[in-house]
PDB file of all heavy atoms in Angstrom:
ATOM      1  N   LEU A   1     118.860  84.219 120.482  1.00  0.00           N
ATOM      2  CA  LEU A   1     120.051  84.221 119.620  1.00  0.00           C
ATOM      3  C   LEU A   1     120.298  85.548 118.976  1.00  0.00           C
ATOM      4  O   LEU A   1     121.450  85.924 118.712  1.00  0.00           O
ATOM      5  CB  LEU A   1     119.886  83.130 118.547  1.00  0.00           C
ATOM      6  CG  LEU A   1     119.927  81.663 118.962  1.00  0.00           C
ATOM      7  CD1 LEU A   1     119.889  80.773 117.744  1.00  0.00           C
ATOM      8  CD2 LEU A   1     121.191  81.397 119.784  1.00  0.00           C
ATOM      9  N   ALA A   2     119.234  86.276 118.668  1.00  0.00           N
ATOM     10  CA  ALA A   2     119.375  87.561 118.012  1.00  0.00           C
ATOM     11  C   ALA A   2     118.239  88.498 118.484  1.00  0.00           C
ATOM     12  O   ALA A   2     117.140  88.034 118.776  1.00  0.00           O
ATOM     13  CB  ALA A   2     119.294  87.428 116.482  1.00  0.00           C
ATOM     14  N   ALA A   3     118.557  89.788 118.541  1.00  0.00           N
ATOM     15  CA  ALA A   3     117.548  90.717 119.020  1.00  0.00           C
ATOM     16  C   ALA A   3     117.962  92.145 118.577  1.00  0.00           C
ATOM     17  O   ALA A   3     119.122  92.424 118.292  1.00  0.00           O
ATOM     18  CB  ALA A   3     117.400  90.673 120.551  1.00  0.00           C
ATOM     19  N   VAL A   4     116.947  93.012 118.566  1.00  0.00           N
ATOM     20  CA  VAL A   4     117.189  94.425 118.227  1.00  0.00           C
ATOM     21  C   VAL A   4     116.103  95.268 118.899  1.00  0.00           C
ATOM     22  O   VAL A   4     114.981  94.792 119.103  1.00  0.00           O
ATOM     23  CB  VAL A   4     117.177  94.632 116.676  1.00  0.00           C
ATOM     24  CG1 VAL A   4     115.752  94.479 116.117  1.00  0.00           C
ATOM     25  CG2 VAL A   4     117.779  95.957 116.255  1.00  0.00           C
ATOM     26  N   VAL A   5     116.445  96.523 119.237  1.00  0.00           N
ATOM     27  CA  VAL A   5     115.486  97.506 119.688  1.00  0.00           C
ATOM     28  C   VAL A   5     115.595  98.722 118.783  1.00  0.00           C
ATOM     29  O   VAL A   5     116.730  99.226 118.546  1.00  0.00           O
ATOM     30  CB  VAL A   5     115.712  97.923 121.143  1.00  0.00           C
ATOM     31  CG1 VAL A   5     114.710  98.994 121.561  1.00  0.00           C
ATOM     32  CG2 VAL A   5     115.629  96.706 122.079  1.00  0.00           C
ATOM     33  N   ILE A   6     114.489  99.180 118.265  1.00  0.00           N
ATOM     34  CA  ILE A   6     114.454 100.304 117.299  1.00  0.00           C
ATOM     35  C   ILE A   6     113.473 101.359 117.766  1.00  0.00           C
ATOM     36  O   ILE A   6     112.396 101.044 118.248  1.00  0.00           O
ATOM     37  CB  ILE A   6     114.071  99.797 115.894  1.00  0.00           C
ATOM     38  CG1 ILE A   6     115.254  99.041 115.278  1.00  0.00           C
ATOM     39  CG2 ILE A   6     113.656 100.953 114.983  1.00  0.00           C
ATOM     40  CD1 ILE A   6     115.007  98.516 113.888  1.00  0.00           C
ATOM     41  N   ASP A   7     113.918 102.587 117.705  1.00  0.00           N
ATOM     42  CA  ASP A   7     113.068 103.728 118.026  1.00  0.00           C
ATOM     43  C   ASP A   7     112.158 104.019 116.818  1.00  0.00           C
ATOM     44  O   ASP A   7     112.613 104.126 115.695  1.00  0.00           O
ATOM     45  CB  ASP A   7     113.945 104.962 118.330  1.00  0.00           C
ATOM     46  CG  ASP A   7     113.152 106.239 118.514  1.00  0.00           C
ATOM     47  OD1 ASP A   7     112.163 106.207 119.274  1.00  0.00           O
ATOM     48  OD2 ASP A   7     113.520 107.264 117.891  1.00  0.00           O
ATOM     49  N   GLU A   8     110.852 104.157 117.090  1.00  0.00           N
ATOM     50  CA  GLU A   8     109.920 104.367 115.987  1.00  0.00           C
ATOM     51  C   GLU A   8     110.138 105.689 115.254  1.00  0.00           C
ATOM     52  O   GLU A   8     110.182 105.729 114.030  1.00  0.00           O
ATOM     53  CB  GLU A   8     108.480 104.299 116.492  1.00  0.00           C
ATOM     54  CG  GLU A   8     107.456 104.525 115.402  1.00  0.00           C
ATOM     55  CD  GLU A   8     106.032 104.660 115.898  1.00  0.00           C
ATOM     56  OE1 GLU A   8     105.823 105.375 116.901  1.00  0.00           O
ATOM     57  OE2 GLU A   8     105.136 104.051 115.290  1.00  0.00           O
ATOM     58  N   ALA A   9     110.266 106.779 115.984  1.00  0.00           N
ATOM     59  CA  ALA A   9     110.289 108.101 115.366  1.00  0.00           C
ATOM     60  C   ALA A   9     111.505 108.316 114.461  1.00  0.00           C
ATOM     61  O   ALA A   9     111.404 108.906 113.409  1.00  0.00           O
ATOM     62  CB  ALA A   9     110.212 109.186 116.442  1.00  0.00           C
ATOM     63  N   SER A  10     112.656 107.815 114.893  1.00  0.00           N
ATOM     64  CA  SER A  10     113.884 108.062 114.192  1.00  0.00           C
ATOM     65  C   SER A  10     114.331 106.852 113.348  1.00  0.00           C
ATOM     66  O   SER A  10     115.139 107.007 112.433  1.00  0.00           O
ATOM     67  CB  SER A  10     115.011 108.436 115.119  1.00  0.00           C
ATOM     68  OG  SER A  10     115.288 107.355 116.021  1.00  0.00           O
ATOM     69  N   GLY A  11     113.861 105.656 113.715  1.00  0.00           N
ATOM     70  CA  GLY A  11     114.348 104.449 113.078  1.00  0.00           C
ATOM     71  C   GLY A  11     115.715 104.046 113.568  1.00  0.00           C
ATOM     72  O   GLY A  11     116.316 103.116 113.029  1.00  0.00           O
ATOM     73  N   ALA A  12     116.208 104.689 114.636  1.00  0.00           N
ATOM     74  CA  ALA A  12     117.559 104.412 115.153  1.00  0.00           C
ATOM     75  C   ALA A  12     117.592 103.092 115.916  1.00  0.00           C
ATOM     76  O   ALA A  12     116.652 102.732 116.594  1.00  0.00           O
ATOM     77  CB  ALA A  12     118.003 105.539 116.060  1.00  0.00           C
ATOM     78  N   VAL A  13     118.715 102.375 115.751  1.00  0.00           N
ATOM     79  CA  VAL A  13     118.920 101.119 116.484  1.00  0.00           C
ATOM     80  C   VAL A  13     119.478 101.463 117.865  1.00  0.00           C
ATOM     81  O   VAL A  13     120.543 102.083 117.970  1.00  0.00           O
ATOM     82  CB  VAL A  13     119.905 100.210 115.709  1.00  0.00           C
ATOM     83  CG1 VAL A  13     120.235  98.982 116.561  1.00  0.00           C
ATOM     84  CG2 VAL A  13     119.294  99.799 114.378  1.00  0.00           C
ATOM     85  N   LEU A  14     118.765 101.075 118.903  1.00  0.00           N
ATOM     86  CA  LEU A  14     119.175 101.334 120.281  1.00  0.00           C
ATOM     87  C   LEU A  14     119.868 100.141 120.921  1.00  0.00           C
ATOM     88  O   LEU A  14     120.594 100.298 121.898  1.00  0.00           O
ATOM     89  CB  LEU A  14     117.976 101.741 121.125  1.00  0.00           C
ATOM     90  CG  LEU A  14     117.092 102.867 120.552  1.00  0.00           C
ATOM     91  CD1 LEU A  14     116.015 103.235 121.554  1.00  0.00           C
ATOM     92  CD2 LEU A  14     117.919 104.071 120.175  1.00  0.00           C
ATOM     93  N   TYR A  15     119.646  98.954 120.386  1.00  0.00           N
ATOM     94  CA  TYR A  15     120.266  97.739 120.891  1.00  0.00           C
ATOM     95  C   TYR A  15     120.389  96.753 119.737  1.00  0.00           C
ATOM     96  O   TYR A  15     119.509  96.647 118.899  1.00  0.00           O
ATOM     97  CB  TYR A  15     119.412  97.119 122.006  1.00  0.00           C
ATOM     98  CG  TYR A  15     119.880  95.743 122.430  1.00  0.00           C
ATOM     99  CD1 TYR A  15     120.846  95.571 123.407  1.00  0.00           C
ATOM    100  CD2 TYR A  15     119.349  94.599 121.830  1.00  0.00           C
ATOM    101  CE1 TYR A  15     121.260  94.314 123.800  1.00  0.00           C
ATOM    102  CE2 TYR A  15     119.751  93.320 122.192  1.00  0.00           C
ATOM    103  CZ  TYR A  15     120.719  93.188 123.202  1.00  0.00           C
ATOM    104  OH  TYR A  15     121.154  91.955 123.554  1.00  0.00           O
ATOM    105  N   ASP A  16     121.527  96.007 119.730  1.00  0.00           N
ATOM    106  CA  ASP A  16     121.790  95.070 118.622  1.00  0.00           C
ATOM    107  C   ASP A  16     122.544  93.878 119.171  1.00  0.00           C
ATOM    108  O   ASP A  16     123.631  94.005 119.679  1.00  0.00           O
ATOM    109  CB  ASP A  16     122.624  95.806 117.565  1.00  0.00           C
ATOM    110  CG  ASP A  16     123.016  94.913 116.404  1.00  0.00           C
ATOM    111  OD1 ASP A  16     122.987  93.685 116.552  1.00  0.00           O
ATOM    112  OD2 ASP A  16     123.394  95.456 115.330  1.00  0.00           O
ATOM    113  N   LYS A  17     121.891  92.735 119.096  1.00  0.00           N
ATOM    114  CA  LYS A  17     122.564  91.467 119.338  1.00  0.00           C
ATOM    115  C   LYS A  17     122.390  90.581 118.080  1.00  0.00           C
ATOM    116  O   LYS A  17     121.329  90.031 117.856  1.00  0.00           O
ATOM    117  CB  LYS A  17     122.007  90.718 120.540  1.00  0.00           C
ATOM    118  CG  LYS A  17     122.675  89.355 120.765  1.00  0.00           C
ATOM    119  CD  LYS A  17     122.029  88.570 121.917  1.00  0.00           C
ATOM    120  CE  LYS A  17     122.739  87.219 122.053  1.00  0.00           C
ATOM    121  NZ  LYS A  17     122.137  86.395 123.164  1.00  0.00           N
ATOM    122  N   ASP A  18     123.407  90.583 117.251  1.00  0.00           N
ATOM    123  CA  ASP A  18     123.347  89.832 115.997  1.00  0.00           C
ATOM    124  C   ASP A  18     122.083  90.168 115.230  1.00  0.00           C
ATOM    125  O   ASP A  18     121.397  89.264 114.671  1.00  0.00           O
ATOM    126  CB  ASP A  18     123.429  88.309 116.250  1.00  0.00           C
ATOM    127  CG  ASP A  18     124.823  87.882 116.712  1.00  0.00           C
ATOM    128  OD1 ASP A  18     125.816  88.500 116.268  1.00  0.00           O
ATOM    129  OD2 ASP A  18     124.913  86.959 117.555  1.00  0.00           O
ATOM    130  N   ALA A  19     121.760  91.454 115.199  1.00  0.00           N
ATOM    131  CA  ALA A  19     120.488  91.868 114.607  1.00  0.00           C
ATOM    132  C   ALA A  19     120.422  91.654 113.096  1.00  0.00           C
ATOM    133  O   ALA A  19     119.321  91.691 112.532  1.00  0.00           O
ATOM    134  CB  ALA A  19     120.252  93.364 114.885  1.00  0.00           C
ATOM    135  N   HIS A  20     121.556  91.406 112.453  1.00  0.00           N
ATOM    136  CA  HIS A  20     121.577  91.187 111.020  1.00  0.00           C
ATOM    137  C   HIS A  20     121.806  89.732 110.650  1.00  0.00           C
ATOM    138  O   HIS A  20     122.041  89.410 109.475  1.00  0.00           O
ATOM    139  CB  HIS A  20     122.617  92.093 110.344  1.00  0.00           C
ATOM    140  CG  HIS A  20     122.369  93.567 110.624  1.00  0.00           C
ATOM    141  ND1 HIS A  20     121.429  94.292 109.931  1.00  0.00           N
ATOM    142  CD2 HIS A  20     122.931  94.418 111.504  1.00  0.00           C
ATOM    143  CE1 HIS A  20     121.405  95.541 110.361  1.00  0.00           C
ATOM    144  NE2 HIS A  20     122.299  95.643 111.323  1.00  0.00           N
ATOM    145  N   LEU A  21     121.735  88.847 111.642  1.00  0.00           N
ATOM    146  CA  LEU A  21     121.851  87.423 111.405  1.00  0.00           C
ATOM    147  C   LEU A  21     120.547  86.904 110.821  1.00  0.00           C
ATOM    148  O   LEU A  21     119.470  87.185 111.327  1.00  0.00           O
ATOM    149  CB  LEU A  21     122.180  86.704 112.716  1.00  0.00           C
ATOM    150  CG  LEU A  21     122.334  85.189 112.688  1.00  0.00           C
ATOM    151  CD1 LEU A  21     123.597  84.835 111.858  1.00  0.00           C
ATOM    152  CD2 LEU A  21     122.470  84.649 114.112  1.00  0.00           C
ATOM    153  N   ARG A  22     120.630  86.101 109.751  1.00  0.00           N
ATOM    154  CA  ARG A  22     119.452  85.574 109.102  1.00  0.00           C
ATOM    155  C   ARG A  22     119.028  84.280 109.772  1.00  0.00           C
ATOM    156  O   ARG A  22     119.765  83.312 109.792  1.00  0.00           O
ATOM    157  CB  ARG A  22     119.750  85.353 107.593  1.00  0.00           C
ATOM    158  CG  ARG A  22     120.155  86.627 106.872  1.00  0.00           C
ATOM    159  CD  ARG A  22     120.593  86.347 105.459  1.00  0.00           C
ATOM    160  NE  ARG A  22     119.450  86.119 104.578  1.00  0.00           N
ATOM    161  CZ  ARG A  22     119.298  85.052 103.818  1.00  0.00           C
ATOM    162  NH1 ARG A  22     120.210  84.091 103.809  1.00  0.00           N
ATOM    163  NH2 ARG A  22     118.264  84.918 103.038  1.00  0.00           N
ATOM    164  N   LEU A  23     117.804  84.296 110.312  1.00  0.00           N
ATOM    165  CA  LEU A  23     117.290  83.145 111.057  1.00  0.00           C
ATOM    166  C   LEU A  23     115.833  82.908 110.619  1.00  0.00           C
ATOM    167  O   LEU A  23     115.167  83.793 110.086  1.00  0.00           O
ATOM    168  CB  LEU A  23     117.311  83.432 112.565  1.00  0.00           C
ATOM    169  CG  LEU A  23     118.680  83.566 113.207  1.00  0.00           C
ATOM    170  CD1 LEU A  23     118.564  84.081 114.662  1.00  0.00           C
ATOM    171  CD2 LEU A  23     119.392  82.204 113.225  1.00  0.00           C
ATOM    172  N   PRO A  24     115.281  81.721 110.905  1.00  0.00           N
ATOM    173  CA  PRO A  24     113.877  81.480 110.584  1.00  0.00           C
ATOM    174  C   PRO A  24     112.996  82.382 111.470  1.00  0.00           C
ATOM    175  O   PRO A  24     113.161  82.391 112.699  1.00  0.00           O
ATOM    176  CB  PRO A  24     113.656  80.001 110.931  1.00  0.00           C
ATOM    177  CG  PRO A  24     115.032  79.402 110.895  1.00  0.00           C
ATOM    178  CD  PRO A  24     115.970  80.483 111.375  1.00  0.00           C
ATOM    179  N   PRO A  25     112.049  83.142 110.908  1.00  0.00           N
ATOM    180  CA  PRO A  25     111.228  84.042 111.717  1.00  0.00           C
ATOM    181  C   PRO A  25     109.918  83.428 112.190  1.00  0.00           C
ATOM    182  O   PRO A  25     109.211  84.023 112.984  1.00  0.00           O
ATOM    183  CB  PRO A  25     110.932  85.172 110.743  1.00  0.00           C
ATOM    184  CG  PRO A  25     110.877  84.480 109.415  1.00  0.00           C
ATOM    185  CD  PRO A  25     111.849  83.362 109.469  1.00  0.00           C
ATOM    186  N   ALA A  26     109.558  82.220 111.669  1.00  0.00           N
ATOM    187  CA  ALA A  26     108.262  81.611 111.983  1.00  0.00           C
ATOM    188  C   ALA A  26     107.149  82.547 111.603  1.00  0.00           C
ATOM    189  O   ALA A  26     107.179  83.198 110.569  1.00  0.00           O
ATOM    190  CB  ALA A  26     108.208  81.155 113.428  1.00  0.00           C
ATOM    191  N   SER A  27     106.133  82.709 112.496  1.00  0.00           N
ATOM    192  CA  SER A  27     104.922  83.468 112.105  1.00  0.00           C
ATOM    193  C   SER A  27     105.121  84.975 112.106  1.00  0.00           C
ATOM    194  O   SER A  27     104.170  85.718 111.773  1.00  0.00           O
ATOM    195  CB  SER A  27     103.764  83.108 113.042  1.00  0.00           C
ATOM    196  OG  SER A  27     103.263  81.835 112.732  1.00  0.00           O
ATOM    197  N   LEU A  28     106.300  85.488 112.398  1.00  0.00           N
ATOM    198  CA  LEU A  28     106.562  86.894 112.203  1.00  0.00           C
ATOM    199  C   LEU A  28     106.440  87.248 110.729  1.00  0.00           C
ATOM    200  O   LEU A  28     106.275  88.390 110.383  1.00  0.00           O
ATOM    201  CB  LEU A  28     107.927  87.305 112.763  1.00  0.00           C
ATOM    202  CG  LEU A  28     108.205  86.974 114.236  1.00  0.00           C
ATOM    203  CD1 LEU A  28     109.490  87.634 114.704  1.00  0.00           C
ATOM    204  CD2 LEU A  28     107.062  87.334 115.138  1.00  0.00           C
ATOM    205  N   THR A  29     106.556  86.233 109.882  1.00  0.00           N
ATOM    206  CA  THR A  29     106.336  86.388 108.451  1.00  0.00           C
ATOM    207  C   THR A  29     104.984  87.043 108.156  1.00  0.00           C
ATOM    208  O   THR A  29     104.834  87.793 107.196  1.00  0.00           O
ATOM    209  CB  THR A  29     106.355  84.991 107.796  1.00  0.00           C
ATOM    210  OG1 THR A  29     107.630  84.360 108.048  1.00  0.00           O
ATOM    211  CG2 THR A  29     106.139  85.052 106.290  1.00  0.00           C
ATOM    212  N   LYS A  30     104.007  86.781 109.006  1.00  0.00           N
ATOM    213  CA  LYS A  30     102.635  87.219 108.731  1.00  0.00           C
ATOM    214  C   LYS A  30     102.488  88.763 108.819  1.00  0.00           C
ATOM    215  O   LYS A  30     101.511  89.315 108.360  1.00  0.00           O
ATOM    216  CB  LYS A  30     101.667  86.551 109.725  1.00  0.00           C
ATOM    217  CG  LYS A  30     101.568  85.063 109.453  1.00  0.00           C
ATOM    218  CD  LYS A  30     100.868  84.315 110.538  1.00  0.00           C
ATOM    219  CE  LYS A  30     100.798  82.824 110.209  1.00  0.00           C
ATOM    220  NZ  LYS A  30     100.662  81.965 111.353  1.00  0.00           N
ATOM    221  N   ILE A  31     103.485  89.397 109.369  1.00  0.00           N
ATOM    222  CA  ILE A  31     103.485  90.879 109.354  1.00  0.00           C
ATOM    223  C   ILE A  31     103.519  91.364 107.937  1.00  0.00           C
ATOM    224  O   ILE A  31     102.784  92.280 107.529  1.00  0.00           O
ATOM    225  CB  ILE A  31     104.688  91.434 110.168  1.00  0.00           C
ATOM    226  CG1 ILE A  31     104.594  91.013 111.647  1.00  0.00           C
ATOM    227  CG2 ILE A  31     104.758  92.973 110.048  1.00  0.00           C
ATOM    228  CD1 ILE A  31     105.838  91.281 112.450  1.00  0.00           C
ATOM    229  N   ALA A  32     104.333  90.731 107.092  1.00  0.00           N
ATOM    230  CA  ALA A  32     104.397  91.111 105.662  1.00  0.00           C
ATOM    231  C   ALA A  32     103.107  90.776 104.964  1.00  0.00           C
ATOM    232  O   ALA A  32     102.617  91.549 104.125  1.00  0.00           O
ATOM    233  CB  ALA A  32     105.585  90.382 104.999  1.00  0.00           C
ATOM    234  N   THR A  33     102.496  89.651 105.294  1.00  0.00           N
ATOM    235  CA  THR A  33     101.201  89.268 104.680  1.00  0.00           C
ATOM    236  C   THR A  33     100.144  90.293 105.007  1.00  0.00           C
ATOM    237  O   THR A  33      99.356  90.736 104.155  1.00  0.00           O
ATOM    238  CB  THR A  33     100.793  87.893 105.178  1.00  0.00           C
ATOM    239  OG1 THR A  33     101.806  86.937 104.801  1.00  0.00           O
ATOM    240  CG2 THR A  33      99.478  87.455 104.554  1.00  0.00           C
ATOM    241  N   ALA A  34     100.117  90.734 106.285  1.00  0.00           N
ATOM    242  CA  ALA A  34      99.130  91.756 106.686  1.00  0.00           C
ATOM    243  C   ALA A  34      99.381  93.076 106.001  1.00  0.00           C
ATOM    244  O   ALA A  34      98.433  93.774 105.598  1.00  0.00           O
ATOM    245  CB  ALA A  34      99.180  91.920 108.217  1.00  0.00           C
ATOM    246  N   ILE A  35     100.638  93.471 105.828  1.00  0.00           N
ATOM    247  CA  ILE A  35     100.955  94.711 105.157  1.00  0.00           C
ATOM    248  C   ILE A  35     100.391  94.735 103.738  1.00  0.00           C
ATOM    249  O   ILE A  35      99.724  95.696 103.313  1.00  0.00           O
ATOM    250  CB  ILE A  35     102.475  94.931 105.130  1.00  0.00           C
ATOM    251  CG1 ILE A  35     102.996  95.312 106.518  1.00  0.00           C
ATOM    252  CG2 ILE A  35     102.854  96.027 104.098  1.00  0.00           C
ATOM    253  CD1 ILE A  35     104.522  95.399 106.581  1.00  0.00           C
ATOM    254  N   LEU A  36     100.612  93.669 102.994  1.00  0.00           N
ATOM    255  CA  LEU A  36     100.137  93.617 101.604  1.00  0.00           C
ATOM    256  C   LEU A  36      98.608  93.639 101.552  1.00  0.00           C
ATOM    257  O   LEU A  36      98.033  94.273 100.631  1.00  0.00           O
ATOM    258  CB  LEU A  36     100.659  92.383 100.906  1.00  0.00           C
ATOM    259  CG  LEU A  36     102.173  92.409 100.611  1.00  0.00           C
ATOM    260  CD1 LEU A  36     102.652  91.063 100.102  1.00  0.00           C
ATOM    261  CD2 LEU A  36     102.527  93.518  99.644  1.00  0.00           C
ATOM    262  N   ALA A  37      97.960  93.034 102.511  1.00  0.00           N
ATOM    263  CA  ALA A  37      96.482  93.046 102.547  1.00  0.00           C
ATOM    264  C   ALA A  37      95.988  94.478 102.828  1.00  0.00           C
ATOM    265  O   ALA A  37      95.035  94.933 102.205  1.00  0.00           O
ATOM    266  CB  ALA A  37      95.962  92.108 103.586  1.00  0.00           C
ATOM    267  N   LEU A  38      96.653  95.168 103.729  1.00  0.00           N
ATOM    268  CA  LEU A  38      96.236  96.550 104.065  1.00  0.00           C
ATOM    269  C   LEU A  38      96.574  97.512 102.943  1.00  0.00           C
ATOM    270  O   LEU A  38      95.844  98.482 102.690  1.00  0.00           O
ATOM    271  CB  LEU A  38      96.908  96.987 105.358  1.00  0.00           C
ATOM    272  CG  LEU A  38      96.416  96.304 106.637  1.00  0.00           C
ATOM    273  CD1 LEU A  38      97.321  96.633 107.817  1.00  0.00           C
ATOM    274  CD2 LEU A  38      94.971  96.667 106.936  1.00  0.00           C
ATOM    275  N   GLU A  39      97.679  97.261 102.248  1.00  0.00           N
ATOM    276  CA  GLU A  39      98.056  98.180 101.145  1.00  0.00           C
ATOM    277  C   GLU A  39      97.166  98.008  99.935  1.00  0.00           C
ATOM    278  O   GLU A  39      96.764  99.004  99.292  1.00  0.00           O
ATOM    279  CB  GLU A  39      99.523  97.879 100.745  1.00  0.00           C
ATOM    280  CG  GLU A  39     100.569  98.493 101.611  1.00  0.00           C
ATOM    281  CD  GLU A  39     101.936  98.298 100.994  1.00  0.00           C
ATOM    282  OE1 GLU A  39     102.140  97.326 100.231  1.00  0.00           O
ATOM    283  OE2 GLU A  39     102.845  99.089 101.316  1.00  0.00           O
TER     284      GLU A  39
END
């Protein structure tokens, strides 16, 4: 339903399909949990 491709070095968006649509992320949430633990 939605997708995006981002270049790491520049942060530029290379592809966008409804990339700003708010949807349930499921366990992708855990990326934020891991960040706070590492920080």
